[in-house]
Amino acid sequence: NRSIDYRTDFYSLGVTFYQMLCGRLPFAKRNPIELIHSHLAHEEVRLHQIKPTVPEVLSNIVHLLMRKNAE
């Protein structure tokens, strides 16, 4: 129930960084409905938990970009 604004660009940038740093997308679902639900309702696994070579500070930045609550 929200309009699309500049915050969607931040989220997309977070997903792009996630894929660049980790080598995979944050949510790997084949069903489009499940994929949308994952993006709306689930937290991604933090980058530094998947790939320990990624600094935790960078992982936190990506996590902030991908926050579900736009505020």
Protein backbone atom coordinates (compact mmCIF):
# COMPACT_ATOMS: atom_id res chain seq x y z
CA ASN A 1 0.00 0.00 0.00
CA ARG A 2 2.90 2.35 -0.67
CA SER A 3 3.94 4.25 -3.70
CA ILE A 4 7.22 3.57 -5.46
CA ASP A 5 9.85 6.22 -4.78
CA TYR A 6 13.62 6.63 -4.39
CA ARG A 7 13.74 3.99 -1.63
CA THR A 8 13.13 1.25 -4.18
CA ASP A 9 16.38 2.31 -5.84
CA PHE A 10 18.21 1.82 -2.52
CA TYR A 11 16.71 -1.65 -2.15
CA SER A 12 17.68 -2.57 -5.72
CA LEU A 13 21.19 -1.28 -5.10
CA GLY A 14 21.39 -3.48 -2.00
CA VAL A 15 20.32 -6.55 -4.01
CA THR A 16 22.91 -5.71 -6.68
CA PHE A 17 25.69 -5.36 -4.09
CA TYR A 18 24.54 -8.59 -2.43
CA GLN A 19 24.85 -10.49 -5.69
CA MET A 20 28.20 -8.89 -6.55
CA LEU A 21 29.73 -9.68 -3.15
CA CYS A 22 28.18 -13.08 -2.56
CA GLY A 23 27.75 -14.51 -6.05
CA ARG A 24 24.05 -15.25 -5.59
CA LEU A 25 20.79 -13.47 -5.10
CA PRO A 26 19.46 -12.97 -1.56
CA PHE A 27 16.35 -15.05 -2.25
CA ALA A 28 16.51 -18.03 -4.59
CA LYS A 29 12.90 -18.94 -5.33
CA ARG A 30 11.59 -20.27 -8.64
CA ASN A 31 7.95 -19.44 -8.05
CA PRO A 32 7.35 -15.71 -8.69
CA ILE A 33 4.83 -15.44 -5.83
CA GLU A 34 7.30 -16.99 -3.36
CA LEU A 35 10.03 -14.66 -4.61
CA ILE A 36 7.87 -11.58 -4.09
CA HIS A 37 6.84 -12.82 -0.65
CA SER A 38 10.50 -13.35 0.29
CA HIS A 39 11.42 -9.83 -0.74
CA LEU A 40 8.51 -8.38 1.23
CA ALA A 41 8.57 -10.50 4.37
CA HIS A 42 11.89 -12.29 4.91
CA GLU A 43 15.30 -11.05 6.01
CA GLU A 44 18.23 -11.98 3.82
CA VAL A 45 21.09 -14.01 5.26
CA ARG A 46 23.81 -11.52 6.09
CA LEU A 47 26.72 -11.45 3.67
CA HIS A 48 29.41 -11.98 6.28
CA GLN A 49 27.61 -15.14 7.44
CA ILE A 50 27.68 -16.62 3.94
CA LYS A 51 31.09 -15.36 2.91
CA PRO A 52 33.39 -14.62 5.87
CA THR A 53 35.76 -12.64 3.63
CA VAL A 54 33.16 -9.87 3.34
CA PRO A 55 33.76 -7.31 6.11
CA GLU A 56 30.92 -7.05 8.60
CA VAL A 57 30.74 -3.28 8.06
CA LEU A 58 30.04 -3.81 4.35
CA SER A 59 27.54 -6.53 5.19
CA ASN A 60 25.73 -4.08 7.48
CA ILE A 61 25.57 -1.43 4.74
CA VAL A 62 24.00 -3.89 2.33
CA HIS A 63 21.57 -4.98 5.06
CA LEU A 64 20.55 -1.36 5.65
CA LEU A 65 19.92 -0.87 1.93
CA MET A 66 17.66 -3.93 1.94
CA ARG A 67 15.60 -3.06 5.01
CA LYS A 68 11.91 -3.91 4.76
CA ASN A 69 10.75 -0.89 6.72
CA ALA A 70 11.24 2.08 4.43
CA GLU A 71 11.53 4.56 7.28
